[in-house]
Amino acid sequence: MLVAAAVCPCPPLLVPDVAAGAAPELDAARAACSDALGVLAAARPGRLVVVGPVESAGPETYPEGTRGSFRGFGVDLDVRLGPDEGMPTEQRLPYSLAVAAWLLERTGWSDAPVEGLGVGDRLAPERCARIGRDLAAAAERVALLVMGDASACRTLKAPGYLDERAAPFDAEVARALGTADVAALMTLDTGLAHDLKASGRAPWQVLAGAAEGVDVGGSLLYEDAPCGVGYIVATWA
């Protein structure tokens, strides 16, 4: 059963070594992410699943101990998803889960075993919800760390250029995540989310499936659009 969830953005820029001189711009987002992970720890889960977007269709699983790197951004920084369990794997974390691993390492996560799950942009909402239900049913006390960005089209300099639909889309997502509105998340327009490059759509719908029938309340900790990309931090507990 789902006992808590934290929703965080997943840009590699969240890692100060990657952001370099622009790092202070995301200080508030980092602080909110730390607060969100504190909510997960307080729920005392027996299992933590990190859900994030991947470029492939997915779903793809990443066992505890899987490593990732930010070397692709010119930074000599490696991360690991949870402790090294002595189970070598050739898998490498996608950037969304590598950012999650960095957040967990930064806050010293040791409260429960952790594993990763990547979900693709093209997964239908019903499939995402079914994955979420399966995750919630897999253990008595499950927590989710859900990684994903809102639109990437909030300004002229945004990665997806300016799209007037982006701000209303992000506002509705922030409202739904901040109030634990499962129905609203499940009815997000998948085509619009794709057009706006909102990488969080599928992970958010996995969360919605996991929370079906569970009495949780939402709290919005952060919402802004640095660099023209919507970043949202929220908790469900």
Protein backbone atom coordinates (compact mmCIF):
# COMPACT_ATOMS: atom_id res chain seq x y z
CA MET A 1 0.00 0.00 0.00
CA LEU A 2 1.18 3.52 -0.77
CA VAL A 3 2.02 5.37 2.44
CA ALA A 4 3.75 8.47 1.02
CA ALA A 5 5.07 10.02 -2.16
CA ALA A 6 7.38 12.86 -3.08
CA VAL A 7 7.28 14.54 -6.47
CA CYS A 8 10.48 16.25 -7.62
CA PRO A 9 11.82 17.70 -10.88
CA CYS A 10 14.59 15.82 -12.64
CA PRO A 11 16.85 18.25 -14.52
CA PRO A 12 20.56 17.48 -14.17
CA LEU A 13 20.88 21.20 -13.40
CA LEU A 14 19.50 20.34 -9.97
CA VAL A 15 22.99 18.97 -9.25
CA PRO A 16 25.19 21.98 -8.38
CA ASP A 17 28.28 20.51 -10.06
CA VAL A 18 26.33 20.33 -13.32
CA ALA A 19 24.69 23.75 -12.95
CA ALA A 20 28.03 25.40 -12.05
CA GLY A 21 27.51 29.18 -11.98
CA ALA A 22 23.74 28.83 -12.34
CA ALA A 23 23.46 26.60 -9.26
CA PRO A 24 22.03 29.28 -6.88
CA GLU A 25 19.03 29.67 -9.17
CA LEU A 26 17.76 26.26 -8.07
CA ASP A 27 18.61 26.50 -4.37
CA ALA A 28 14.93 26.82 -3.44
CA ALA A 29 14.03 23.77 -5.53
CA ARG A 30 16.80 21.73 -3.89
CA ALA A 31 15.61 22.74 -0.43
CA ALA A 32 12.05 21.77 -1.31
CA CYS A 33 13.24 18.38 -2.59
CA SER A 34 15.06 17.78 0.70
CA ASP A 35 11.89 18.62 2.60
CA ALA A 36 9.91 16.24 0.40
CA LEU A 37 12.33 13.40 1.09
CA GLY A 38 11.90 14.13 4.79
CA VAL A 39 8.19 13.40 4.38
CA LEU A 40 9.05 10.04 2.82
CA ALA A 41 11.37 9.15 5.69
CA ALA A 42 8.76 10.16 8.27
CA ALA A 43 6.28 7.70 6.71
CA ARG A 44 8.66 4.82 7.57
CA PRO A 45 8.17 2.87 4.33
CA GLY A 46 9.33 -0.67 3.90
CA ARG A 47 10.21 -0.07 0.27
CA LEU A 48 11.03 3.02 -1.82
CA VAL A 49 10.53 3.01 -5.57
CA VAL A 50 11.97 5.86 -7.62
CA VAL A 51 9.92 6.44 -10.78
CA GLY A 52 11.27 8.60 -13.58
CA PRO A 53 11.02 9.19 -17.32
CA VAL A 54 13.20 7.30 -19.77
CA GLU A 55 13.67 7.69 -23.51
CA SER A 56 12.71 4.09 -24.27
CA ALA A 57 9.17 2.79 -24.10
CA GLY A 58 9.68 1.23 -20.68
CA PRO A 59 8.94 0.15 -18.10
CA GLU A 60 12.54 -0.56 -17.16
CA THR A 61 13.63 -1.65 -13.68
CA TYR A 62 16.87 -0.68 -11.94
CA PRO A 63 17.89 -2.68 -8.86
CA GLU A 64 19.37 -1.21 -5.73
CA GLY A 65 23.03 -0.41 -6.26
CA THR A 66 22.68 0.57 -9.93
CA ARG A 67 25.12 3.33 -10.79
CA GLY A 68 24.74 6.49 -12.82
CA SER A 69 26.96 9.34 -13.92
CA PHE A 70 26.89 12.98 -14.96
CA ARG A 71 30.01 12.65 -17.08
CA GLY A 72 27.91 13.35 -20.14
CA PHE A 73 27.64 16.90 -18.86
CA GLY A 74 31.39 17.23 -18.42
CA VAL A 75 31.22 16.58 -14.67
CA ASP A 76 33.27 13.89 -12.95
CA LEU A 77 30.45 12.81 -10.67
CA ASP A 78 29.06 9.31 -10.18
CA VAL A 79 26.03 8.27 -8.13
CA ARG A 80 24.47 5.04 -6.94
CA LEU A 81 20.85 4.17 -6.29
CA GLY A 82 20.95 3.15 -2.65
CA PRO A 83 23.72 1.04 -1.11
CA ASP A 84 25.90 -1.28 -3.14
CA GLU A 85 24.34 -4.70 -2.62
CA GLY A 86 27.18 -6.55 -4.27
CA MET A 87 25.05 -7.39 -7.30
CA PRO A 88 27.02 -6.06 -10.29
CA THR A 89 24.92 -4.86 -13.20
CA GLU A 90 25.84 -3.33 -16.53
CA GLN A 91 22.78 -1.11 -16.38
CA ARG A 92 23.28 2.61 -15.98
CA LEU A 93 20.74 4.94 -14.47
CA PRO A 94 18.98 7.31 -16.87
CA TYR A 95 19.46 10.95 -15.95
CA SER A 96 16.08 11.24 -14.24
CA LEU A 97 16.98 8.43 -11.83
CA ALA A 98 20.57 9.63 -11.49
CA VAL A 99 19.22 12.95 -10.22
CA ALA A 100 17.03 11.01 -7.77
CA ALA A 101 20.06 9.01 -6.63
CA TRP A 102 21.94 12.27 -6.05
CA LEU A 103 19.03 13.62 -3.98
CA LEU A 104 18.91 10.44 -1.90
CA GLU A 105 22.68 10.47 -1.33
CA ARG A 106 22.53 14.18 -0.45
CA THR A 107 19.94 13.56 2.26
CA GLY A 108 21.57 10.37 3.50
CA TRP A 109 18.65 8.08 2.67
CA SER A 110 18.87 4.82 4.61
CA ASP A 111 15.26 4.39 5.67
CA ALA A 112 14.23 1.60 3.28
CA PRO A 113 15.50 -0.48 0.35
CA VAL A 114 15.29 1.48 -2.90
CA GLU A 115 14.87 0.50 -6.52
CA GLY A 116 14.24 2.39 -9.75
CA LEU A 117 11.60 2.23 -12.44
CA GLY A 118 11.76 4.06 -15.76
CA VAL A 119 8.59 4.80 -17.70
CA GLY A 120 8.43 6.02 -21.27
CA ASP A 121 6.75 9.10 -22.65
CA ARG A 122 4.49 7.03 -24.89
CA LEU A 123 3.01 4.77 -22.19
CA ALA A 124 -0.76 5.13 -22.12
CA PRO A 125 -2.36 6.48 -18.93
CA GLU A 126 -4.10 3.16 -18.26
CA ARG A 127 -0.78 1.30 -18.46
CA CYS A 128 0.85 3.84 -16.14
CA ALA A 129 -1.97 3.46 -13.63
CA ARG A 130 -1.71 -0.32 -13.74
CA ILE A 131 2.02 -0.12 -13.06
CA GLY A 132 1.28 2.14 -10.10
CA ARG A 133 -1.30 -0.23 -8.69
CA ASP A 134 1.15 -3.12 -8.98
CA LEU A 135 3.85 -1.12 -7.18
CA ALA A 136 1.50 -0.23 -4.34
CA ALA A 137 0.39 -3.85 -3.95
CA ALA A 138 3.92 -5.25 -3.90
CA ALA A 139 4.63 -4.44 -0.24
CA GLU A 140 2.78 -3.45 2.90
CA ARG A 141 4.32 0.04 3.12
CA VAL A 142 5.46 1.51 -0.20
CA ALA A 143 6.76 5.04 -0.81
CA LEU A 144 7.34 6.59 -4.23
CA LEU A 145 9.85 9.23 -5.27
CA VAL A 146 8.38 10.48 -8.52
CA MET A 147 10.73 12.38 -10.81
CA GLY A 148 9.62 14.50 -13.77
CA ASP A 149 9.41 18.01 -15.16
CA ALA A 150 6.37 19.97 -16.25
CA SER A 151 6.39 21.82 -19.58
CA ALA A 152 9.60 22.96 -21.24
CA CYS A 153 7.88 25.75 -23.13
CA ARG A 154 7.34 28.57 -20.66
CA THR A 155 9.60 31.23 -22.25
CA LEU A 156 11.19 32.11 -25.56
CA LYS A 157 14.51 30.70 -24.33
CA ALA A 158 12.98 27.46 -23.03
CA PRO A 159 14.13 24.18 -24.61
CA GLY A 160 10.78 23.88 -26.38
CA TYR A 161 10.40 27.61 -27.14
CA LEU A 162 7.35 29.55 -25.94
CA ASP A 163 3.96 27.85 -26.08
CA GLU A 164 0.97 29.71 -24.65
CA ARG A 165 -0.55 26.41 -23.53
CA ALA A 166 2.36 25.70 -21.20
CA ALA A 167 1.51 27.96 -18.27
CA PRO A 168 -2.12 26.74 -17.94
CA PHE A 169 -0.97 23.13 -18.25
CA ASP A 170 1.63 23.58 -15.52
CA ALA A 171 -0.84 25.38 -13.28
CA GLU A 172 -3.28 22.48 -13.48
CA VAL A 173 -0.52 19.94 -12.84
CA ALA A 174 0.67 21.93 -9.81
CA ARG A 175 -2.88 22.09 -8.49
CA ALA A 176 -3.43 18.35 -9.00
CA LEU A 177 -0.13 17.38 -7.40
CA GLY A 178 -0.62 19.83 -4.55
CA THR A 179 -4.06 18.43 -3.72
CA ALA A 180 -3.45 14.73 -4.50
CA ASP A 181 -6.10 14.89 -7.23
CA VAL A 182 -5.79 11.42 -8.74
CA ALA A 183 -8.60 11.91 -11.25
CA ALA A 184 -7.09 15.11 -12.64
CA LEU A 185 -3.71 13.48 -13.12
CA MET A 186 -5.26 10.53 -14.92
CA THR A 187 -7.04 12.79 -17.38
CA LEU A 188 -4.00 14.84 -18.38
CA ASP A 189 -3.89 15.26 -22.14
CA THR A 190 -1.08 12.95 -23.25
CA GLY A 191 -0.73 14.62 -26.64
CA LEU A 192 -0.48 18.07 -25.10
CA ALA A 193 2.01 16.83 -22.50
CA HIS A 194 4.15 15.44 -25.32
CA ASP A 195 3.94 18.67 -27.31
CA LEU A 196 4.99 20.65 -24.25
CA LYS A 197 7.85 18.22 -23.47
CA ALA A 198 6.43 17.53 -20.00
CA SER A 199 8.53 14.53 -19.01
CA GLY A 200 6.61 14.01 -15.76
CA ARG A 201 3.31 12.98 -17.33
CA ALA A 202 3.83 9.20 -17.24
CA PRO A 203 5.50 9.13 -13.78
CA TRP A 204 2.69 11.29 -12.34
CA GLN A 205 0.13 8.85 -13.72
CA VAL A 206 2.03 5.95 -12.15
CA LEU A 207 1.65 7.83 -8.87
CA ALA A 208 -2.05 8.32 -9.52
CA GLY A 209 -2.51 4.57 -10.02
CA ALA A 210 -0.59 3.78 -6.85
CA ALA A 211 -2.79 6.16 -4.86
CA GLU A 212 -6.12 4.80 -6.05
CA GLY A 213 -8.33 4.10 -3.03
CA VAL A 214 -5.74 5.47 -0.58
CA ASP A 215 -6.59 8.35 1.75
CA VAL A 216 -3.68 10.76 1.18
CA GLY A 217 -3.44 14.52 1.23
CA GLY A 218 -1.21 16.63 -0.99
CA SER A 219 1.04 19.57 -0.28
CA LEU A 220 2.68 21.82 -2.88
CA LEU A 221 6.18 22.78 -1.73
CA TYR A 222 7.56 24.51 -4.82
CA GLU A 223 6.44 25.63 -8.27
CA ASP A 224 8.48 27.79 -10.64
CA ALA A 225 9.90 27.82 -14.15
CA PRO A 226 13.63 28.54 -14.11
CA CYS A 227 15.09 28.44 -17.62
CA GLY A 228 11.53 28.27 -18.96
CA VAL A 229 10.92 24.74 -17.63
CA GLY A 230 8.23 23.99 -15.07
CA TYR A 231 9.57 22.45 -11.87
CA ILE A 232 7.17 21.19 -9.21
CA VAL A 233 7.83 19.71 -5.78
CA ALA A 234 4.94 18.16 -3.87
CA THR A 235 4.28 15.52 -1.24
CA TRP A 236 1.46 13.05 -0.67
CA ALA A 237 1.00 11.51 2.75
